[in-house]
Amino acid sequence: MATEGDRPQADQPKREQRTALLSAVAVFAVLLLAVGGAIWMTSDVPSDREAPESAEAAADHRPLLIHLGDSYASGAGTTPLVEDSPFQCQRSSRNFGQLTAKKRDLRVLDVTCAGATSDDFYQEQYDGVAPQLDAVTEAADYVTLTIGGNDSAIYTVMVGECTRLAADDPTGAPCRTTVGGTPFRQIAETRKSVERALRDIRARAPHAGILIAGYPWLMPATTACRPAVGVADGDVAYVHRVQAALNDAIAEAAAAAGATFVDMSTRSVGHEACAPRGTRWIEPQIGADSPIVMHPNALGQQAIADAVAGHLR
């Protein structure tokens, strides 16, 4: 990972956002961005800047699926990881892009990376982790992704900050009171960023089917489930509204850019982090089966893959 001193001063807002993200991870393990920090700094960390493809790979004429996006796309917390992939990206061999490719007998080029924002489609996220758009070419038959949840640290606020505030007011609505309408204003900007990314994917892969998945519900619409998820009683509906607004914004961006939005909201009802093991698609903060909480587990990744595969032409 590039040191802060290596980044230009113009990137100060991005640095502050990443700092907030890492702080939330340390407390809530929302994203695995702080694990193995010493490893990230070594020279032998696997890189996405790989050697030219092998003759065997070049001879594979199956349709190509390119998989992009953040930790929901990378499958963070679901093992095993893709062999020789950058550790900090937490790129699972059972993420929904990988599973979709397997289901439809496609080649897959997976450059997902935990913690990615739409900006990381255009800039190096970590040393050796190239801008994700670099992977997109005219050879793509399909492009799959999730993106937008980390933009403006929306998910960090909804999970991390709302949980922190609930400690002193578990039956009230401290997050709604403190944060208010800020996430909704940020989501309006996120819509623009996601649309830009989707348009640029289209420009690079003009013949590809582009499928962007929405985020499965984190929590039920009105019911708290502490301690599994530490959001206060009065903030459950607020968190749900923010997530709904984010998914709506992503759907609008997809429509404007000529991409397909794969809606996970209806499918994921009853499979939120509050549901029991074996039913839930999202791992809770307490009692999780993964170190990466409030993220899709193997069942969740499979559910997204099934939904995405159903849209492939």
C-alpha atoms as a PDB file:
ATOM      1  CA  MET A   1       0.000   0.000   0.000  1.00  0.00           C
ATOM      2  CA  ALA A   2       1.349   3.428  -0.866  1.00  0.00           C
ATOM      3  CA  THR A   3       2.395   5.471   2.151  1.00  0.00           C
ATOM      4  CA  GLU A   4       0.533   8.652   2.888  1.00  0.00           C
ATOM      5  CA  GLY A   5       3.645  10.621   2.151  1.00  0.00           C
ATOM      6  CA  ASP A   6       3.676   9.289  -1.387  1.00  0.00           C
ATOM      7  CA  ARG A   7       0.260  10.770  -2.175  1.00  0.00           C
ATOM      8  CA  PRO A   8      -0.112  14.369  -3.458  1.00  0.00           C
ATOM      9  CA  GLN A   9      -1.691  16.943  -1.229  1.00  0.00           C
ATOM     10  CA  ALA A  10      -4.663  17.163  -3.610  1.00  0.00           C
ATOM     11  CA  ASP A  11      -5.657  13.710  -2.399  1.00  0.00           C
ATOM     12  CA  GLN A  12      -6.209  14.935   1.175  1.00  0.00           C
ATOM     13  CA  PRO A  13     -10.005  14.307   1.148  1.00  0.00           C
ATOM     14  CA  LYS A  14      -9.415  10.767  -0.084  1.00  0.00           C
ATOM     15  CA  ARG A  15      -6.803  10.210   2.625  1.00  0.00           C
ATOM     16  CA  GLU A  16      -9.205  11.429   5.287  1.00  0.00           C
ATOM     17  CA  GLN A  17     -11.897   9.122   3.964  1.00  0.00           C
ATOM     18  CA  ARG A  18      -9.542   6.124   4.029  1.00  0.00           C
ATOM     19  CA  THR A  19      -8.437   7.056   7.547  1.00  0.00           C
ATOM     20  CA  ALA A  20     -12.050   7.084   8.717  1.00  0.00           C
ATOM     21  CA  LEU A  21     -12.626   3.784   6.992  1.00  0.00           C
ATOM     22  CA  LEU A  22      -9.657   2.170   8.670  1.00  0.00           C
ATOM     23  CA  SER A  23     -10.721   3.447  12.079  1.00  0.00           C
ATOM     24  CA  ALA A  24     -14.138   1.914  11.657  1.00  0.00           C
ATOM     25  CA  VAL A  25     -12.577  -1.361  10.594  1.00  0.00           C
ATOM     26  CA  ALA A  26     -10.451  -1.500  13.709  1.00  0.00           C
ATOM     27  CA  VAL A  27     -13.538  -1.260  15.885  1.00  0.00           C
ATOM     28  CA  PHE A  28     -16.195  -3.024  13.853  1.00  0.00           C
ATOM     29  CA  ALA A  29     -14.245  -5.063  11.248  1.00  0.00           C
ATOM     30  CA  VAL A  30     -16.469  -3.657   8.526  1.00  0.00           C
ATOM     31  CA  LEU A  31     -13.768  -4.060   5.891  1.00  0.00           C
ATOM     32  CA  LEU A  32     -10.542  -6.018   6.068  1.00  0.00           C
ATOM     33  CA  LEU A  33      -8.300  -3.123   5.152  1.00  0.00           C
ATOM     34  CA  ALA A  34      -6.187  -2.992   8.289  1.00  0.00           C
ATOM     35  CA  VAL A  35      -5.207  -6.659   8.518  1.00  0.00           C
ATOM     36  CA  GLY A  36      -1.655  -7.556   7.593  1.00  0.00           C
ATOM     37  CA  GLY A  37      -0.442  -3.999   7.237  1.00  0.00           C
ATOM     38  CA  ALA A  38       3.156  -5.130   7.485  1.00  0.00           C
ATOM     39  CA  ILE A  39       2.566  -7.622   4.717  1.00  0.00           C
ATOM     40  CA  TRP A  40       1.218  -4.931   2.413  1.00  0.00           C
ATOM     41  CA  MET A  41       4.470  -3.049   2.608  1.00  0.00           C
ATOM     42  CA  THR A  42       6.670  -5.939   1.497  1.00  0.00           C
ATOM     43  CA  SER A  43       8.020  -6.223  -1.996  1.00  0.00           C
ATOM     44  CA  ASP A  44       6.594  -9.696  -2.618  1.00  0.00           C
ATOM     45  CA  VAL A  45       2.905  -8.812  -2.250  1.00  0.00           C
ATOM     46  CA  PRO A  46       1.073 -10.277  -5.277  1.00  0.00           C
ATOM     47  CA  SER A  47       0.275  -7.656  -7.874  1.00  0.00           C
ATOM     48  CA  ASP A  48      -2.436  -7.146 -10.455  1.00  0.00           C
ATOM     49  CA  ARG A  49       0.288  -6.059 -12.851  1.00  0.00           C
ATOM     50  CA  GLU A  50       0.829  -9.563 -14.125  1.00  0.00           C
ATOM     51  CA  ALA A  51       2.911 -11.043 -16.919  1.00  0.00           C
ATOM     52  CA  PRO A  52       1.330 -11.484 -20.370  1.00  0.00           C
ATOM     53  CA  GLU A  53      -1.276 -14.233 -20.395  1.00  0.00           C
ATOM     54  CA  SER A  54      -0.089 -17.748 -21.038  1.00  0.00           C
ATOM     55  CA  ALA A  55      -0.529 -19.528 -24.356  1.00  0.00           C
ATOM     56  CA  GLU A  56      -3.051 -21.791 -22.648  1.00  0.00           C
ATOM     57  CA  ALA A  57      -5.115 -18.817 -21.477  1.00  0.00           C
ATOM     58  CA  ALA A  58      -4.882 -17.153 -24.872  1.00  0.00           C
ATOM     59  CA  ALA A  59      -6.235 -20.329 -26.475  1.00  0.00           C
ATOM     60  CA  ASP A  60      -9.319 -20.306 -24.260  1.00  0.00           C
ATOM     61  CA  HIS A  61     -12.072 -18.928 -26.466  1.00  0.00           C
ATOM     62  CA  ARG A  62     -14.885 -18.992 -23.956  1.00  0.00           C
ATOM     63  CA  PRO A  63     -16.707 -15.662 -23.434  1.00  0.00           C
ATOM     64  CA  LEU A  64     -14.897 -13.329 -21.029  1.00  0.00           C
ATOM     65  CA  LEU A  65     -16.417 -11.916 -17.848  1.00  0.00           C
ATOM     66  CA  ILE A  66     -14.520  -9.047 -16.200  1.00  0.00           C
ATOM     67  CA  HIS A  67     -15.368  -8.612 -12.524  1.00  0.00           C
ATOM     68  CA  LEU A  68     -14.901  -5.212 -10.859  1.00  0.00           C
ATOM     69  CA  GLY A  69     -15.786  -3.487  -7.637  1.00  0.00           C
ATOM     70  CA  ASP A  70     -15.556  -3.322  -3.862  1.00  0.00           C
ATOM     71  CA  SER A  71     -15.600  -5.810  -0.980  1.00  0.00           C
ATOM     72  CA  TYR A  72     -19.137  -6.969  -1.782  1.00  0.00           C
ATOM     73  CA  ALA A  73     -17.863  -7.868  -5.244  1.00  0.00           C
ATOM     74  CA  SER A  74     -14.538  -9.277  -4.045  1.00  0.00           C
ATOM     75  CA  GLY A  75     -16.257 -11.564  -1.560  1.00  0.00           C
ATOM     76  CA  ALA A  76     -14.245 -10.324   1.415  1.00  0.00           C
ATOM     77  CA  GLY A  77     -14.554 -12.801   4.257  1.00  0.00           C
ATOM     78  CA  THR A  78     -15.389 -15.768   2.035  1.00  0.00           C
ATOM     79  CA  THR A  79     -12.551 -18.241   1.590  1.00  0.00           C
ATOM     80  CA  PRO A  80     -10.503 -19.400  -0.189  1.00  0.00           C
ATOM     81  CA  LEU A  81      -8.908 -16.342  -1.745  1.00  0.00           C
ATOM     82  CA  VAL A  82      -7.987 -16.241  -5.419  1.00  0.00           C
ATOM     83  CA  GLU A  83      -4.494 -17.686  -5.699  1.00  0.00           C
ATOM     84  CA  ASP A  84      -1.740 -15.050  -5.972  1.00  0.00           C
ATOM     85  CA  SER A  85      -4.209 -12.167  -5.651  1.00  0.00           C
ATOM     86  CA  PRO A  86      -3.274  -9.109  -3.545  1.00  0.00           C
ATOM     87  CA  PHE A  87      -4.070  -9.946   0.070  1.00  0.00           C
ATOM     88  CA  GLN A  88      -5.445  -6.528   0.902  1.00  0.00           C
ATOM     89  CA  CYS A  89      -8.089  -6.934  -1.830  1.00  0.00           C
ATOM     90  CA  GLN A  90      -9.577 -10.015  -0.122  1.00  0.00           C
ATOM     91  CA  ARG A  91     -10.542 -11.424  -3.510  1.00  0.00           C
ATOM     92  CA  SER A  92     -12.461 -14.648  -2.920  1.00  0.00           C
ATOM     93  CA  SER A  93     -12.546 -17.528  -5.369  1.00  0.00           C
ATOM     94  CA  ARG A  94     -16.232 -17.779  -4.401  1.00  0.00           C
ATOM     95  CA  ASN A  95     -17.290 -14.200  -5.029  1.00  0.00           C
ATOM     96  CA  PHE A  96     -20.305 -13.656  -7.240  1.00  0.00           C
ATOM     97  CA  GLY A  97     -18.253 -12.870 -10.352  1.00  0.00           C
ATOM     98  CA  GLN A  98     -16.275 -16.073 -10.001  1.00  0.00           C
ATOM     99  CA  LEU A  99     -19.445 -18.069  -9.321  1.00  0.00           C
ATOM    100  CA  THR A 100     -21.285 -16.514 -12.257  1.00  0.00           C
ATOM    101  CA  ALA A 101     -18.400 -17.378 -14.572  1.00  0.00           C
ATOM    102  CA  LYS A 102     -18.374 -20.954 -13.324  1.00  0.00           C
ATOM    103  CA  LYS A 103     -22.147 -21.283 -13.651  1.00  0.00           C
ATOM    104  CA  ARG A 104     -22.086 -20.053 -17.259  1.00  0.00           C
ATOM    105  CA  ASP A 105     -18.720 -21.582 -18.276  1.00  0.00           C
ATOM    106  CA  LEU A 106     -17.030 -18.234 -18.838  1.00  0.00           C
ATOM    107  CA  ARG A 107     -13.470 -17.066 -18.494  1.00  0.00           C
ATOM    108  CA  VAL A 108     -13.129 -14.572 -15.666  1.00  0.00           C
ATOM    109  CA  LEU A 109     -10.761 -11.676 -15.089  1.00  0.00           C
ATOM    110  CA  ASP A 110     -11.252 -10.571 -11.491  1.00  0.00           C
ATOM    111  CA  VAL A 111      -9.755  -7.243 -10.330  1.00  0.00           C
ATOM    112  CA  THR A 112     -12.106  -6.556  -7.417  1.00  0.00           C
ATOM    113  CA  CYS A 113     -10.633  -5.086  -4.261  1.00  0.00           C
ATOM    114  CA  ALA A 114     -12.037  -4.577  -0.772  1.00  0.00           C
ATOM    115  CA  GLY A 115     -12.519  -0.939   0.137  1.00  0.00           C
ATOM    116  CA  ALA A 116     -12.720   0.254  -3.465  1.00  0.00           C
ATOM    117  CA  THR A 117     -14.607   3.418  -4.273  1.00  0.00           C
ATOM    118  CA  SER A 118     -15.559   4.541  -7.752  1.00  0.00           C
ATOM    119  CA  ASP A 119     -12.373   6.644  -7.716  1.00  0.00           C
ATOM    120  CA  ASP A 120     -10.342   3.432  -7.640  1.00  0.00           C
ATOM    121  CA  PHE A 121     -11.551   2.636 -11.125  1.00  0.00           C
ATOM    122  CA  TYR A 122      -9.266   5.493 -12.204  1.00  0.00           C
ATOM    123  CA  GLN A 123      -6.358   5.396  -9.753  1.00  0.00           C
ATOM    124  CA  GLU A 124      -4.076   2.851  -8.120  1.00  0.00           C
ATOM    125  CA  GLN A 125      -5.794   1.746  -4.916  1.00  0.00           C
ATOM    126  CA  TYR A 126      -2.624   0.225  -3.415  1.00  0.00           C
ATOM    127  CA  ASP A 127       0.868  -0.364  -4.772  1.00  0.00           C
ATOM    128  CA  GLY A 128       0.500  -3.032  -7.417  1.00  0.00           C
ATOM    129  CA  VAL A 129      -3.294  -2.746  -7.543  1.00  0.00           C
ATOM    130  CA  ALA A 130      -3.924  -0.953 -10.798  1.00  0.00           C
ATOM    131  CA  PRO A 131      -6.952   1.220 -11.595  1.00  0.00           C
ATOM    132  CA  GLN A 132      -9.746  -1.249 -12.166  1.00  0.00           C
ATOM    133  CA  LEU A 133     -10.725   0.254 -15.504  1.00  0.00           C
ATOM    134  CA  ASP A 134      -7.332  -0.819 -16.842  1.00  0.00           C
ATOM    135  CA  ALA A 135      -8.684  -4.365 -16.972  1.00  0.00           C
ATOM    136  CA  VAL A 136     -11.670  -3.475 -19.168  1.00  0.00           C
ATOM    137  CA  THR A 137     -11.154  -3.947 -22.905  1.00  0.00           C
ATOM    138  CA  GLU A 138     -13.158  -4.660 -26.035  1.00  0.00           C
ATOM    139  CA  ALA A 139     -12.547  -8.360 -25.379  1.00  0.00           C
ATOM    140  CA  ALA A 140     -15.122  -8.309 -22.567  1.00  0.00           C
ATOM    141  CA  ASP A 141     -18.392 -10.094 -23.170  1.00  0.00           C
ATOM    142  CA  TYR A 142     -19.686  -9.257 -19.696  1.00  0.00           C
ATOM    143  CA  VAL A 143     -18.680  -6.867 -16.928  1.00  0.00           C
ATOM    144  CA  THR A 144     -20.052  -7.477 -13.435  1.00  0.00           C
ATOM    145  CA  LEU A 145     -19.597  -5.265 -10.385  1.00  0.00           C
ATOM    146  CA  THR A 146     -20.819  -3.650  -7.195  1.00  0.00           C
ATOM    147  CA  ILE A 147     -19.642  -0.137  -6.405  1.00  0.00           C
ATOM    148  CA  GLY A 148     -20.865   2.911  -4.496  1.00  0.00           C
ATOM    149  CA  GLY A 149     -21.109   1.648  -0.925  1.00  0.00           C
ATOM    150  CA  ASN A 150     -17.715   3.044   0.061  1.00  0.00           C
ATOM    151  CA  ASP A 151     -18.124   6.355  -1.736  1.00  0.00           C
ATOM    152  CA  SER A 152     -18.222   9.132   0.867  1.00  0.00           C
ATOM    153  CA  ALA A 153     -17.817   6.347   3.461  1.00  0.00           C
ATOM    154  CA  ILE A 154     -21.578   5.766   3.365  1.00  0.00           C
ATOM    155  CA  TYR A 155     -21.402   2.205   4.630  1.00  0.00           C
ATOM    156  CA  THR A 156     -18.817   3.078   7.261  1.00  0.00           C
ATOM    157  CA  VAL A 157     -21.184   5.677   8.704  1.00  0.00           C
ATOM    158  CA  MET A 158     -24.266   3.464   8.530  1.00  0.00           C
ATOM    159  CA  VAL A 159     -22.580   0.526  10.229  1.00  0.00           C
ATOM    160  CA  GLY A 160     -19.687   1.956  12.220  1.00  0.00           C
ATOM    161  CA  GLU A 161     -20.936   5.346  13.362  1.00  0.00           C
ATOM    162  CA  CYS A 162     -24.523   4.274  13.960  1.00  0.00           C
ATOM    163  CA  THR A 163     -23.325   1.366  16.095  1.00  0.00           C
ATOM    164  CA  ARG A 164     -20.961   3.599  18.073  1.00  0.00           C
ATOM    165  CA  LEU A 165     -23.696   6.122  18.793  1.00  0.00           C
ATOM    166  CA  ALA A 166     -26.137   3.386  19.833  1.00  0.00           C
ATOM    167  CA  ALA A 167     -23.945   2.432  22.796  1.00  0.00           C
ATOM    168  CA  ASP A 168     -25.183   5.477  24.732  1.00  0.00           C
ATOM    169  CA  ASP A 169     -28.766   5.490  23.426  1.00  0.00           C
ATOM    170  CA  PRO A 170     -29.802   1.980  22.350  1.00  0.00           C
ATOM    171  CA  THR A 171     -33.533   2.671  22.329  1.00  0.00           C
ATOM    172  CA  GLY A 172     -33.365   6.092  20.677  1.00  0.00           C
ATOM    173  CA  ALA A 173     -32.326   7.340  17.250  1.00  0.00           C
ATOM    174  CA  PRO A 174     -28.888   8.851  17.911  1.00  0.00           C
ATOM    175  CA  CYS A 175     -27.542   8.253  14.414  1.00  0.00           C
ATOM    176  CA  ARG A 176     -30.465   9.885  12.645  1.00  0.00           C
ATOM    177  CA  THR A 177     -30.212  12.797  15.084  1.00  0.00           C
ATOM    178  CA  THR A 178     -26.457  13.220  14.636  1.00  0.00           C
ATOM    179  CA  VAL A 179     -25.934  12.368  10.968  1.00  0.00           C
ATOM    180  CA  GLY A 180     -29.286  13.520   9.626  1.00  0.00           C
ATOM    181  CA  GLY A 181     -29.557  14.115   5.901  1.00  0.00           C
ATOM    182  CA  THR A 182     -25.831  14.017   5.144  1.00  0.00           C
ATOM    183  CA  PRO A 183     -25.830  10.484   3.682  1.00  0.00           C
ATOM    184  CA  PHE A 184     -28.654  11.358   1.304  1.00  0.00           C
ATOM    185  CA  ARG A 185     -26.718  14.359  -0.018  1.00  0.00           C
ATOM    186  CA  GLN A 186     -23.638  12.174  -0.432  1.00  0.00           C
ATOM    187  CA  ILE A 187     -25.661   9.565  -2.278  1.00  0.00           C
ATOM    188  CA  ALA A 188     -26.648  12.181  -4.864  1.00  0.00           C
ATOM    189  CA  GLU A 189     -22.943  12.628  -5.619  1.00  0.00           C
ATOM    190  CA  THR A 190     -22.377   8.873  -5.559  1.00  0.00           C
ATOM    191  CA  ARG A 191     -24.972   8.458  -8.301  1.00  0.00           C
ATOM    192  CA  LYS A 192     -22.922  10.742 -10.543  1.00  0.00           C
ATOM    193  CA  SER A 193     -19.705   8.866  -9.763  1.00  0.00           C
ATOM    194  CA  VAL A 194     -21.252   5.468 -10.461  1.00  0.00           C
ATOM    195  CA  GLU A 195     -22.799   6.687 -13.702  1.00  0.00           C
ATOM    196  CA  ARG A 196     -19.428   8.043 -14.819  1.00  0.00           C
ATOM    197  CA  ALA A 197     -17.761   4.702 -14.073  1.00  0.00           C
ATOM    198  CA  LEU A 198     -20.437   2.752 -15.930  1.00  0.00           C
ATOM    199  CA  ARG A 199     -20.203   5.044 -18.950  1.00  0.00           C
ATOM    200  CA  ASP A 200     -16.443   4.597 -19.024  1.00  0.00           C
ATOM    201  CA  ILE A 201     -16.830   0.823 -18.782  1.00  0.00           C
ATOM    202  CA  ARG A 202     -19.201   1.023 -21.759  1.00  0.00           C
ATOM    203  CA  ALA A 203     -16.706   3.116 -23.715  1.00  0.00           C
ATOM    204  CA  ARG A 204     -13.976   0.519 -23.149  1.00  0.00           C
ATOM    205  CA  ALA A 205     -16.204  -2.520 -23.686  1.00  0.00           C
ATOM    206  CA  PRO A 206     -18.862  -1.345 -26.158  1.00  0.00           C
ATOM    207  CA  HIS A 207     -20.263  -4.802 -26.871  1.00  0.00           C
ATOM    208  CA  ALA A 208     -20.298  -6.146 -23.314  1.00  0.00           C
ATOM    209  CA  GLY A 209     -23.285  -6.750 -21.120  1.00  0.00           C
ATOM    210  CA  ILE A 210     -22.678  -4.605 -18.019  1.00  0.00           C
ATOM    211  CA  LEU A 211     -24.388  -5.802 -14.846  1.00  0.00           C
ATOM    212  CA  ILE A 212     -24.148  -3.870 -11.592  1.00  0.00           C
ATOM    213  CA  ALA A 213     -25.623  -5.568  -8.536  1.00  0.00           C
ATOM    214  CA  GLY A 214     -27.404  -3.674  -5.805  1.00  0.00           C
ATOM    215  CA  TYR A 215     -26.513  -4.231  -2.178  1.00  0.00           C
ATOM    216  CA  PRO A 216     -28.515  -6.844  -0.219  1.00  0.00           C
ATOM    217  CA  TRP A 217     -30.312  -5.529   2.848  1.00  0.00           C
ATOM    218  CA  LEU A 218     -28.129  -5.232   5.925  1.00  0.00           C
ATOM    219  CA  MET A 219     -31.046  -5.228   8.360  1.00  0.00           C
ATOM    220  CA  PRO A 220     -34.818  -5.651   8.351  1.00  0.00           C
ATOM    221  CA  ALA A 221     -36.836  -2.550   7.606  1.00  0.00           C
ATOM    222  CA  THR A 222     -38.035  -1.876  11.155  1.00  0.00           C
ATOM    223  CA  THR A 223     -36.734  -4.487  13.606  1.00  0.00           C
ATOM    224  CA  ALA A 224     -33.521  -4.163  15.614  1.00  0.00           C
ATOM    225  CA  CYS A 225     -31.531  -7.249  16.588  1.00  0.00           C
ATOM    226  CA  ARG A 226     -28.929  -6.185  19.117  1.00  0.00           C
ATOM    227  CA  PRO A 227     -26.383  -7.451  19.918  1.00  0.00           C
ATOM    228  CA  ALA A 228     -26.078  -9.186  16.520  1.00  0.00           C
ATOM    229  CA  VAL A 229     -26.224  -5.742  14.878  1.00  0.00           C
ATOM    230  CA  GLY A 230     -25.680  -2.854  17.251  1.00  0.00           C
ATOM    231  CA  VAL A 231     -27.864  -0.214  15.580  1.00  0.00           C
ATOM    232  CA  ALA A 232     -30.272   1.547  17.971  1.00  0.00           C
ATOM    233  CA  ASP A 233     -33.991   0.788  17.829  1.00  0.00           C
ATOM    234  CA  GLY A 234     -34.936   4.162  16.394  1.00  0.00           C
ATOM    235  CA  ASP A 235     -32.186   4.081  13.768  1.00  0.00           C
ATOM    236  CA  VAL A 236     -33.128   0.811  12.072  1.00  0.00           C
ATOM    237  CA  ALA A 237     -35.614   2.459   9.703  1.00  0.00           C
ATOM    238  CA  TYR A 238     -33.141   5.273   9.078  1.00  0.00           C
ATOM    239  CA  VAL A 239     -30.348   2.879   8.086  1.00  0.00           C
ATOM    240  CA  HIS A 240     -32.817   1.043   5.864  1.00  0.00           C
ATOM    241  CA  ARG A 241     -33.850   4.294   4.129  1.00  0.00           C
ATOM    242  CA  VAL A 242     -30.228   5.243   3.505  1.00  0.00           C
ATOM    243  CA  GLN A 243     -29.489   1.855   1.981  1.00  0.00           C
ATOM    244  CA  ALA A 244     -32.638   2.051  -0.144  1.00  0.00           C
ATOM    245  CA  ALA A 245     -31.585   5.493  -1.382  1.00  0.00           C
ATOM    246  CA  LEU A 246     -28.141   4.161  -2.294  1.00  0.00           C
ATOM    247  CA  ASN A 247     -29.594   1.256  -4.259  1.00  0.00           C
ATOM    248  CA  ASP A 248     -32.034   3.596  -6.004  1.00  0.00           C
ATOM    249  CA  ALA A 249     -29.156   5.878  -6.969  1.00  0.00           C
ATOM    250  CA  ILE A 250     -27.173   2.957  -8.388  1.00  0.00           C
ATOM    251  CA  ALA A 251     -30.231   1.793 -10.348  1.00  0.00           C
ATOM    252  CA  GLU A 252     -30.647   5.307 -11.776  1.00  0.00           C
ATOM    253  CA  ALA A 253     -26.981   5.449 -12.730  1.00  0.00           C
ATOM    254  CA  ALA A 254     -27.250   2.076 -14.457  1.00  0.00           C
ATOM    255  CA  ALA A 255     -30.298   3.162 -16.442  1.00  0.00           C
ATOM    256  CA  ALA A 256     -28.587   6.381 -17.540  1.00  0.00           C
ATOM    257  CA  ALA A 257     -25.433   4.534 -18.640  1.00  0.00           C
ATOM    258  CA  GLY A 258     -27.168   1.675 -20.429  1.00  0.00           C
ATOM    259  CA  ALA A 259     -26.170  -0.954 -17.862  1.00  0.00           C
ATOM    260  CA  THR A 260     -28.342  -3.581 -16.169  1.00  0.00           C
ATOM    261  CA  PHE A 261     -29.136  -3.109 -12.497  1.00  0.00           C
ATOM    262  CA  VAL A 262     -29.493  -6.412 -10.651  1.00  0.00           C
ATOM    263  CA  ASP A 263     -31.806  -5.653  -7.746  1.00  0.00           C
ATOM    264  CA  MET A 264     -31.053  -7.665  -4.601  1.00  0.00           C
ATOM    265  CA  SER A 265     -33.535  -5.891  -2.319  1.00  0.00           C
ATOM    266  CA  THR A 266     -36.556  -8.155  -2.783  1.00  0.00           C
ATOM    267  CA  ARG A 267     -34.445 -11.292  -2.920  1.00  0.00           C
ATOM    268  CA  SER A 268     -32.623 -10.496   0.321  1.00  0.00           C
ATOM    269  CA  VAL A 269     -35.664  -9.852   2.536  1.00  0.00           C
ATOM    270  CA  GLY A 270     -35.443 -12.328   5.388  1.00  0.00           C
ATOM    271  CA  HIS A 271     -31.755 -12.961   4.731  1.00  0.00           C
ATOM    272  CA  GLU A 272     -30.368  -9.892   6.536  1.00  0.00           C
ATOM    273  CA  ALA A 273     -27.693  -9.987   9.239  1.00  0.00           C
ATOM    274  CA  CYS A 274     -30.419 -10.481  11.853  1.00  0.00           C
ATOM    275  CA  ALA A 275     -31.433 -13.847  10.374  1.00  0.00           C
ATOM    276  CA  PRO A 276     -30.101 -17.116  11.823  1.00  0.00           C
ATOM    277  CA  ARG A 277     -27.058 -18.966  10.542  1.00  0.00           C
ATOM    278  CA  GLY A 278     -27.923 -20.882   7.389  1.00  0.00           C
ATOM    279  CA  THR A 279     -30.547 -18.314   6.407  1.00  0.00           C
ATOM    280  CA  ARG A 280     -28.651 -15.041   6.568  1.00  0.00           C
ATOM    281  CA  TRP A 281     -26.706 -13.752   3.574  1.00  0.00           C
ATOM    282  CA  ILE A 282     -25.005 -10.985   5.586  1.00  0.00           C
ATOM    283  CA  GLU A 283     -22.750 -11.764   8.543  1.00  0.00           C
ATOM    284  CA  PRO A 284     -23.684  -9.882  11.750  1.00  0.00           C
ATOM    285  CA  GLN A 285     -21.379  -7.863  13.964  1.00  0.00           C
ATOM    286  CA  ILE A 286     -21.716 -10.315  16.872  1.00  0.00           C
ATOM    287  CA  GLY A 287     -21.804 -14.068  16.346  1.00  0.00           C
ATOM    288  CA  ALA A 288     -20.418 -13.938  12.823  1.00  0.00           C
ATOM    289  CA  ASP A 289     -18.827 -16.886  11.061  1.00  0.00           C
ATOM    290  CA  SER A 290     -16.373 -14.552   9.334  1.00  0.00           C
ATOM    291  CA  PRO A 291     -13.915 -11.862  10.452  1.00  0.00           C
ATOM    292  CA  ILE A 292     -15.507  -9.570   7.863  1.00  0.00           C
ATOM    293  CA  VAL A 293     -18.836  -8.507   9.311  1.00  0.00           C
ATOM    294  CA  MET A 294     -21.851  -6.879   7.621  1.00  0.00           C
ATOM    295  CA  HIS A 295     -20.742  -8.406   4.330  1.00  0.00           C
ATOM    296  CA  PRO A 296     -22.183 -11.245   2.247  1.00  0.00           C
ATOM    297  CA  ASN A 297     -21.200 -14.746   3.292  1.00  0.00           C
ATOM    298  CA  ALA A 298     -20.977 -17.704   0.913  1.00  0.00           C
ATOM    299  CA  LEU A 299     -24.777 -17.947   0.723  1.00  0.00           C
ATOM    300  CA  GLY A 300     -24.987 -14.244  -0.057  1.00  0.00           C
ATOM    301  CA  GLN A 301     -22.380 -14.428  -2.792  1.00  0.00           C
ATOM    302  CA  GLN A 302     -24.185 -17.392  -4.337  1.00  0.00           C
ATOM    303  CA  ALA A 303     -27.486 -15.505  -4.214  1.00  0.00           C
ATOM    304  CA  ILE A 304     -25.978 -12.516  -6.030  1.00  0.00           C
ATOM    305  CA  ALA A 305     -24.374 -14.842  -8.578  1.00  0.00           C
ATOM    306  CA  ASP A 306     -27.702 -16.548  -9.249  1.00  0.00           C
ATOM    307  CA  ALA A 307     -29.388 -13.185  -9.738  1.00  0.00           C
ATOM    308  CA  VAL A 308     -26.645 -11.912 -12.049  1.00  0.00           C
ATOM    309  CA  ALA A 309     -26.500 -15.130 -14.076  1.00  0.00           C
ATOM    310  CA  GLY A 310     -30.223 -14.850 -14.661  1.00  0.00           C
ATOM    311  CA  HIS A 311     -29.615 -11.583 -16.530  1.00  0.00           C
ATOM    312  CA  LEU A 312     -26.886 -12.847 -18.840  1.00  0.00           C
ATOM    313  CA  ARG A 313     -27.986 -13.001 -22.429  1.00  0.00           C
END
